[in-house]
PDB file of N, CA and C in Angstrom:
ATOM      1  N   ARG A   1     268.939 151.937-104.646  1.00  0.00           N
ATOM      2  CA  ARG A   1     269.848 150.799-104.600  1.00  0.00           C
ATOM      3  C   ARG A   1     269.083 149.477-104.653  1.00  0.00           C
ATOM      4  N   VAL A   2     267.933 149.435-104.012  1.00  0.00           N
ATOM      5  CA  VAL A   2     267.146 148.202-103.963  1.00  0.00           C
ATOM      6  C   VAL A   2     266.705 147.781-105.364  1.00  0.00           C
ATOM      7  N   LEU A   3     266.259 148.741-106.165  1.00  0.00           N
ATOM      8  CA  LEU A   3     265.812 148.389-107.514  1.00  0.00           C
ATOM      9  C   LEU A   3     266.977 147.948-108.394  1.00  0.00           C
ATOM     10  N   GLU A   4     268.144 148.512-108.173  1.00  0.00           N
ATOM     11  CA  GLU A   4     269.330 148.041-108.900  1.00  0.00           C
ATOM     12  C   GLU A   4     269.628 146.592-108.521  1.00  0.00           C
ATOM     13  N   ASP A   5     269.485 146.273-107.237  1.00  0.00           N
ATOM     14  CA  ASP A   5     269.695 144.894-106.783  1.00  0.00           C
ATOM     15  C   ASP A   5     268.679 143.942-107.407  1.00  0.00           C
ATOM     16  N   HIS A   6     267.426 144.390-107.532  1.00  0.00           N
ATOM     17  CA  HIS A   6     266.407 143.563-108.188  1.00  0.00           C
ATOM     18  C   HIS A   6     266.800 143.285-109.637  1.00  0.00           C
ATOM     19  N   ALA A   7     267.231 144.316-110.324  1.00  0.00           N
ATOM     20  CA  ALA A   7     267.645 144.159-111.717  1.00  0.00           C
ATOM     21  C   ALA A   7     268.837 143.216-111.826  1.00  0.00           C
ATOM     22  N   GLN A   8     269.788 143.341-110.922  1.00  0.00           N
ATOM     23  CA  GLN A   8     270.964 142.466-110.933  1.00  0.00           C
ATOM     24  C   GLN A   8     270.561 141.021-110.661  1.00  0.00           C
ATOM     25  N   PHE A   9     269.636 140.815-109.737  1.00  0.00           N
ATOM     26  CA  PHE A   9     269.141 139.469-109.442  1.00  0.00           C
ATOM     27  C   PHE A   9     268.512 138.847-110.682  1.00  0.00           C
ATOM     28  N   LEU A  10     267.683 139.621-111.380  1.00  0.00           N
ATOM     29  CA  LEU A  10     267.065 139.114-112.608  1.00  0.00           C
ATOM     30  C   LEU A  10     268.127 138.795-113.654  1.00  0.00           C
ATOM     31  N   LEU A  11     269.085 139.677-113.793  1.00  0.00           N
ATOM     32  CA  LEU A  11     270.164 139.466-114.755  1.00  0.00           C
ATOM     33  C   LEU A  11     270.916 138.176-114.447  1.00  0.00           C
ATOM     34  N   ASP A  12     271.234 137.969-113.188  1.00  0.00           N
ATOM     35  CA  ASP A  12     271.975 136.772-112.787  1.00  0.00           C
ATOM     36  C   ASP A  12     271.154 135.496-112.948  1.00  0.00           C
ATOM     37  N   ALA A  13     269.828 135.606-112.853  1.00  0.00           N
ATOM     38  CA  ALA A  13     268.965 134.427-112.907  1.00  0.00           C
ATOM     39  C   ALA A  13     268.669 133.966-114.336  1.00  0.00           C
ATOM     40  N   LEU A  14     268.777 134.852-115.293  1.00  0.00           N
ATOM     41  CA  LEU A  14     268.406 134.511-116.666  1.00  0.00           C
ATOM     42  C   LEU A  14     269.438 133.602-117.321  1.00  0.00           C
ATOM     43  N   ALA A  15     268.933 132.635-118.071  1.00  0.00           N
ATOM     44  CA  ALA A  15     269.807 131.743-118.833  1.00  0.00           C
ATOM     45  C   ALA A  15     270.446 132.528-119.986  1.00  0.00           C
ATOM     46  N   PRO A  16     271.652 132.144-120.395  1.00  0.00           N
ATOM     47  CA  PRO A  16     272.364 132.883-121.452  1.00  0.00           C
ATOM     48  C   PRO A  16     271.577 133.042-122.754  1.00  0.00           C
ATOM     49  N   GLU A  17     270.701 132.100-123.062  1.00  0.00           N
ATOM     50  CA  GLU A  17     269.953 132.208-124.324  1.00  0.00           C
ATOM     51  C   GLU A  17     268.819 133.236-124.268  1.00  0.00           C
ATOM     52  N   GLU A  18     268.532 133.769-123.104  1.00  0.00           N
ATOM     53  CA  GLU A  18     267.475 134.776-122.956  1.00  0.00           C
ATOM     54  C   GLU A  18     268.052 136.169-123.222  1.00  0.00           C
ATOM     55  N   THR A  19     268.618 136.334-124.412  1.00  0.00           N
ATOM     56  CA  THR A  19     269.391 137.545-124.721  1.00  0.00           C
ATOM     57  C   THR A  19     268.567 138.829-124.636  1.00  0.00           C
ATOM     58  N   GLU A  20     267.347 138.809-125.115  1.00  0.00           N
ATOM     59  CA  GLU A  20     266.523 140.021-125.081  1.00  0.00           C
ATOM     60  C   GLU A  20     266.271 140.467-123.640  1.00  0.00           C
ATOM     61  N   ASP A  21     265.904 139.522-122.786  1.00  0.00           N
ATOM     62  CA  ASP A  21     265.652 139.860-121.386  1.00  0.00           C
ATOM     63  C   ASP A  21     266.947 140.211-120.655  1.00  0.00           C
ATOM     64  N   ILE A  22     268.045 139.606-121.044  1.00  0.00           N
ATOM     65  CA  ILE A  22     269.341 139.946-120.450  1.00  0.00           C
ATOM     66  C   ILE A  22     269.691 141.399-120.765  1.00  0.00           C
ATOM     67  N   HIS A  23     269.484 141.812-122.003  1.00  0.00           N
ATOM     68  CA  HIS A  23     269.768 143.202-122.382  1.00  0.00           C
ATOM     69  C   HIS A  23     268.872 144.170-121.614  1.00  0.00           C
ATOM     70  N   ARG A  24     267.622 143.778-121.444  1.00  0.00           N
ATOM     71  CA  ARG A  24     266.683 144.636-120.697  1.00  0.00           C
ATOM     72  C   ARG A  24     267.100 144.729-119.226  1.00  0.00           C
ATOM     73  N   ALA A  25     267.485 143.619-118.631  1.00  0.00           N
ATOM     74  CA  ALA A  25     267.933 143.627-117.234  1.00  0.00           C
ATOM     75  C   ALA A  25     269.197 144.473-117.085  1.00  0.00           C
ATOM     76  N   MET A  26     270.113 144.365-118.051  1.00  0.00           N
ATOM     77  CA  MET A  26     271.335 145.180-118.010  1.00  0.00           C
ATOM     78  C   MET A  26     270.989 146.670-118.093  1.00  0.00           C
ATOM     79  N   TYR A  27     269.995 146.989-118.907  1.00  0.00           N
ATOM     80  CA  TYR A  27     269.531 148.374-119.006  1.00  0.00           C
ATOM     81  C   TYR A  27     269.109 148.879-117.623  1.00  0.00           C
ATOM     82  N   PHE A  28     268.333 148.067-116.900  1.00  0.00           N
ATOM     83  CA  PHE A  28     267.860 148.493-115.585  1.00  0.00           C
ATOM     84  C   PHE A  28     268.994 148.591-114.569  1.00  0.00           C
ATOM     85  N   VAL A  29     269.927 147.665-114.597  1.00  0.00           N
ATOM     86  CA  VAL A  29     271.084 147.751-113.693  1.00  0.00           C
ATOM     87  C   VAL A  29     271.805 149.075-113.923  1.00  0.00           C
ATOM     88  N   ASN A  30     272.068 149.385-115.179  1.00  0.00           N
ATOM     89  CA  ASN A  30     272.767 150.631-115.511  1.00  0.00           C
ATOM     90  C   ASN A  30     271.932 151.861-115.170  1.00  0.00           C
ATOM     91  N   ARG A  31     270.640 151.772-115.442  1.00  0.00           N
ATOM     92  CA  ARG A  31     269.735 152.898-115.181  1.00  0.00           C
ATOM     93  C   ARG A  31     269.718 153.249-113.696  1.00  0.00           C
ATOM     94  N   PHE A  32     269.543 152.243-112.845  1.00  0.00           N
ATOM     95  CA  PHE A  32     269.475 152.516-111.412  1.00  0.00           C
ATOM     96  C   PHE A  32     270.842 152.889-110.836  1.00  0.00           C
ATOM     97  N   ASP A  33     271.904 152.396-111.433  1.00  0.00           N
ATOM     98  CA  ASP A  33     273.242 152.825-111.024  1.00  0.00           C
ATOM     99  C   ASP A  33     273.435 154.307-111.343  1.00  0.00           C
ATOM    100  N   THR A  34     272.936 154.727-112.489  1.00  0.00           N
ATOM    101  CA  THR A  34     273.009 156.136-112.870  1.00  0.00           C
ATOM    102  C   THR A  34     272.234 157.007-111.888  1.00  0.00           C
ATOM    103  N   PHE A  35     271.085 156.523-111.449  1.00  0.00           N
ATOM    104  CA  PHE A  35     270.317 157.286-110.459  1.00  0.00           C
ATOM    105  C   PHE A  35     271.130 157.506-109.187  1.00  0.00           C
ATOM    106  N   LEU A  36     271.850 156.484-108.758  1.00  0.00           N
ATOM    107  CA  LEU A  36     272.667 156.628-107.552  1.00  0.00           C
ATOM    108  C   LEU A  36     273.721 157.716-107.712  1.00  0.00           C
ATOM    109  N   SER A  37     274.287 157.805-108.897  1.00  0.00           N
ATOM    110  CA  SER A  37     275.325 158.818-109.112  1.00  0.00           C
ATOM    111  C   SER A  37     274.737 160.223-109.258  1.00  0.00           C
ATOM    112  N   ARG A  38     273.453 160.315-109.592  1.00  0.00           N
ATOM    113  CA  ARG A  38     272.799 161.616-109.781  1.00  0.00           C
ATOM    114  C   ARG A  38     272.126 162.144-108.521  1.00  0.00           C
ATOM    115  N   ILE A  39     271.996 161.324-107.513  1.00  0.00           N
ATOM    116  CA  ILE A  39     271.131 161.650-106.378  1.00  0.00           C
ATOM    117  C   ILE A  39     271.473 162.969-105.694  1.00  0.00           C
ATOM    118  N   ASN A  40     272.721 163.324-105.622  1.00  0.00           N
ATOM    119  CA  ASN A  40     273.114 164.553-104.926  1.00  0.00           C
ATOM    120  C   ASN A  40     273.158 165.788-105.815  1.00  0.00           C
ATOM    121  N   THR A  41     273.041 165.602-107.116  1.00  0.00           N
ATOM    122  CA  THR A  41     273.170 166.741-108.022  1.00  0.00           C
ATOM    123  C   THR A  41     271.904 167.036-108.811  1.00  0.00           C
ATOM    124  N   ALA A  42     270.938 166.164-108.783  1.00  0.00           N
ATOM    125  CA  ALA A  42     269.744 166.312-109.610  1.00  0.00           C
ATOM    126  C   ALA A  42     268.684 167.166-108.921  1.00  0.00           C
ATOM    127  N   SER A  43     267.833 167.768-109.732  1.00  0.00           N
ATOM    128  CA  SER A  43     266.636 168.427-109.223  1.00  0.00           C
ATOM    129  C   SER A  43     265.755 167.346-108.607  1.00  0.00           C
ATOM    130  N   LEU A  44     265.347 167.545-107.372  1.00  0.00           N
ATOM    131  CA  LEU A  44     264.621 166.504-106.650  1.00  0.00           C
ATOM    132  C   LEU A  44     263.316 166.105-107.339  1.00  0.00           C
ATOM    133  N   VAL A  45     262.568 167.065-107.833  1.00  0.00           N
ATOM    134  CA  VAL A  45     261.290 166.766-108.480  1.00  0.00           C
ATOM    135  C   VAL A  45     261.521 165.969-109.761  1.00  0.00           C
ATOM    136  N   GLU A  46     262.438 166.429-110.582  1.00  0.00           N
ATOM    137  CA  GLU A  46     262.740 165.728-111.840  1.00  0.00           C
ATOM    138  C   GLU A  46     263.322 164.345-111.560  1.00  0.00           C
ATOM    139  N   PHE A  47     264.181 164.264-110.577  1.00  0.00           N
ATOM    140  CA  PHE A  47     264.784 162.989-110.184  1.00  0.00           C
ATOM    141  C   PHE A  47     263.700 162.001-109.758  1.00  0.00           C
ATOM    142  N   ALA A  48     262.770 162.456-108.938  1.00  0.00           N
ATOM    143  CA  ALA A  48     261.687 161.591-108.460  1.00  0.00           C
ATOM    144  C   ALA A  48     260.821 161.094-109.618  1.00  0.00           C
ATOM    145  N   LYS A  49     260.549 161.958-110.579  1.00  0.00           N
ATOM    146  CA  LYS A  49     259.766 161.552-111.755  1.00  0.00           C
ATOM    147  C   LYS A  49     260.497 160.473-112.549  1.00  0.00           C
ATOM    148  N   ASP A  50     261.794 160.672-112.758  1.00  0.00           N
ATOM    149  CA  ASP A  50     262.592 159.701-113.511  1.00  0.00           C
ATOM    150  C   ASP A  50     262.636 158.348-112.802  1.00  0.00           C
ATOM    151  N   VAL A  51     262.847 158.386-111.485  1.00  0.00           N
ATOM    152  CA  VAL A  51     262.922 157.140-110.717  1.00  0.00           C
ATOM    153  C   VAL A  51     261.577 156.428-110.733  1.00  0.00           C
ATOM    154  N   LYS A  52     260.499 157.175-110.568  1.00  0.00           N
ATOM    155  CA  LYS A  52     259.158 156.574-110.580  1.00  0.00           C
ATOM    156  C   LYS A  52     258.895 155.879-111.915  1.00  0.00           C
ATOM    157  N   GLN A  53     259.229 156.550-113.001  1.00  0.00           N
ATOM    158  CA  GLN A  53     259.028 155.964-114.332  1.00  0.00           C
ATOM    159  C   GLN A  53     259.828 154.670-114.485  1.00  0.00           C
ATOM    160  N   SER A  54     261.078 154.688-114.075  1.00  0.00           N
ATOM    161  CA  SER A  54     261.917 153.490-114.188  1.00  0.00           C
ATOM    162  C   SER A  54     261.442 152.384-113.255  1.00  0.00           C
ATOM    163  N   ALA A  55     260.937 152.750-112.082  1.00  0.00           N
ATOM    164  CA  ALA A  55     260.399 151.750-111.154  1.00  0.00           C
ATOM    165  C   ALA A  55     259.181 151.064-111.760  1.00  0.00           C
ATOM    166  N   GLU A  56     258.334 151.831-112.425  1.00  0.00           N
ATOM    167  CA  GLU A  56     257.168 151.246-113.095  1.00  0.00           C
ATOM    168  C   GLU A  56     257.601 150.342-114.249  1.00  0.00           C
ATOM    169  N   GLU A  57     258.641 150.749-114.965  1.00  0.00           N
ATOM    170  CA  GLU A  57     259.140 149.939-116.080  1.00  0.00           C
ATOM    171  C   GLU A  57     259.720 148.616-115.590  1.00  0.00           C
ATOM    172  N   ILE A  58     260.502 148.638-114.512  1.00  0.00           N
ATOM    173  CA  ILE A  58     261.084 147.383-114.025  1.00  0.00           C
ATOM    174  C   ILE A  58     259.988 146.492-113.450  1.00  0.00           C
ATOM    175  N   ARG A  59     258.962 147.097-112.873  1.00  0.00           N
ATOM    176  CA  ARG A  59     257.826 146.306-112.377  1.00  0.00           C
ATOM    177  C   ARG A  59     257.187 145.531-113.530  1.00  0.00           C
ATOM    178  N   GLN A  60     256.949 146.205-114.648  1.00  0.00           N
ATOM    179  CA  GLN A  60     256.364 145.541-115.812  1.00  0.00           C
ATOM    180  C   GLN A  60     257.290 144.458-116.355  1.00  0.00           C
ATOM    181  N   PHE A  61     258.576 144.744-116.361  1.00  0.00           N
ATOM    182  CA  PHE A  61     259.562 143.769-116.820  1.00  0.00           C
ATOM    183  C   PHE A  61     259.527 142.518-115.946  1.00  0.00           C
ATOM    184  N   LYS A  62     259.499 142.716-114.630  1.00  0.00           N
ATOM    185  CA  LYS A  62     259.467 141.583-113.702  1.00  0.00           C
ATOM    186  C   LYS A  62     258.178 140.778-113.861  1.00  0.00           C
ATOM    187  N   LEU A  63     257.050 141.470-114.016  1.00  0.00           N
ATOM    188  CA  LEU A  63     255.776 140.771-114.216  1.00  0.00           C
ATOM    189  C   LEU A  63     255.785 139.973-115.517  1.00  0.00           C
ATOM    190  N   ASN A  64     256.404 140.521-116.547  1.00  0.00           N
ATOM    191  CA  ASN A  64     256.508 139.821-117.827  1.00  0.00           C
ATOM    192  C   ASN A  64     257.361 138.557-117.693  1.00  0.00           C
ATOM    193  N   ILE A  65     258.443 138.647-116.939  1.00  0.00           N
ATOM    194  CA  ILE A  65     259.287 137.471-116.717  1.00  0.00           C
ATOM    195  C   ILE A  65     258.520 136.406-115.938  1.00  0.00           C
ATOM    196  N   ILE A  66     257.784 136.824-114.911  1.00  0.00           N
ATOM    197  CA  ILE A  66     256.985 135.869-114.131  1.00  0.00           C
ATOM    198  C   ILE A  66     255.952 135.195-115.023  1.00  0.00           C
ATOM    199  N   LYS A  67     255.297 135.971-115.867  1.00  0.00           N
ATOM    200  CA  LYS A  67     254.300 135.413-116.793  1.00  0.00           C
ATOM    201  C   LYS A  67     254.944 134.386-117.721  1.00  0.00           C
ATOM    202  N   LYS A  68     256.085 134.740-118.305  1.00  0.00           N
ATOM    203  CA  LYS A  68     256.773 133.801-119.200  1.00  0.00           C
ATOM    204  C   LYS A  68     257.217 132.553-118.451  1.00  0.00           C
ATOM    205  N   GLN A  69     257.622 132.724-117.206  1.00  0.00           N
ATOM    206  CA  GLN A  69     258.045 131.572-116.406  1.00  0.00           C
ATOM    207  C   GLN A  69     256.861 130.640-116.146  1.00  0.00           C
ATOM    208  N   LEU A  70     255.715 131.205-115.808  1.00  0.00           N
ATOM    209  CA  LEU A  70     254.522 130.394-115.555  1.00  0.00           C
ATOM    210  C   LEU A  70     254.048 129.672-116.816  1.00  0.00           C
ATOM    211  N   GLU A  71     254.265 130.288-117.960  1.00  0.00           N
ATOM    212  CA  GLU A  71     253.871 129.698-119.240  1.00  0.00           C
ATOM    213  C   GLU A  71     254.945 128.779-119.812  1.00  0.00           C
ATOM    214  N   GLY A  72     256.077 128.678-119.143  1.00  0.00           N
ATOM    215  CA  GLY A  72     257.171 127.838-119.623  1.00  0.00           C
ATOM    216  C   GLY A  72     257.863 128.394-120.850  1.00  0.00           C
ATOM    217  N   LYS A  73     257.855 129.705-120.998  1.00  0.00           N
ATOM    218  CA  LYS A  73     258.422 130.342-122.183  1.00  0.00           C
ATOM    219  C   LYS A  73     259.752 131.044-121.917  1.00  0.00           C
ATOM    220  N   ILE A  74     260.363 130.750-120.784  1.00  0.00           N
ATOM    221  CA  ILE A  74     261.632 131.381-120.440  1.00  0.00           C
ATOM    222  C   ILE A  74     262.481 130.376-119.667  1.00  0.00           C
ATOM    223  N   VAL A  75     263.790 130.478-119.844  1.00  0.00           N
ATOM    224  CA  VAL A  75     264.712 129.601-119.118  1.00  0.00           C
ATOM    225  C   VAL A  75     265.424 130.441-118.062  1.00  0.00           C
ATOM    226  N   ILE A  76     265.289 129.989-116.831  1.00  0.00           N
ATOM    227  CA  ILE A  76     265.947 130.683-115.713  1.00  0.00           C
ATOM    228  C   ILE A  76     266.849 129.697-115.012  1.00  0.00           C
TER     229      ILE A  76
END
């Protein structure tokens, strides 16, 4: 749930013209929402692998946004 909230925060913070990053943030919101719905039915090992991969992906996404913000290449 926490990572979904992070994705939602990023989505809400992005300016409308940041369409590529908005689509990526929406992907993460949906992805982590899907994990919540799978938590009781998924194989625990496979579920953990999927969540770990997505957590690493959102980390890279967030770092990329921070980098663009520091370089003045993104509107928030």
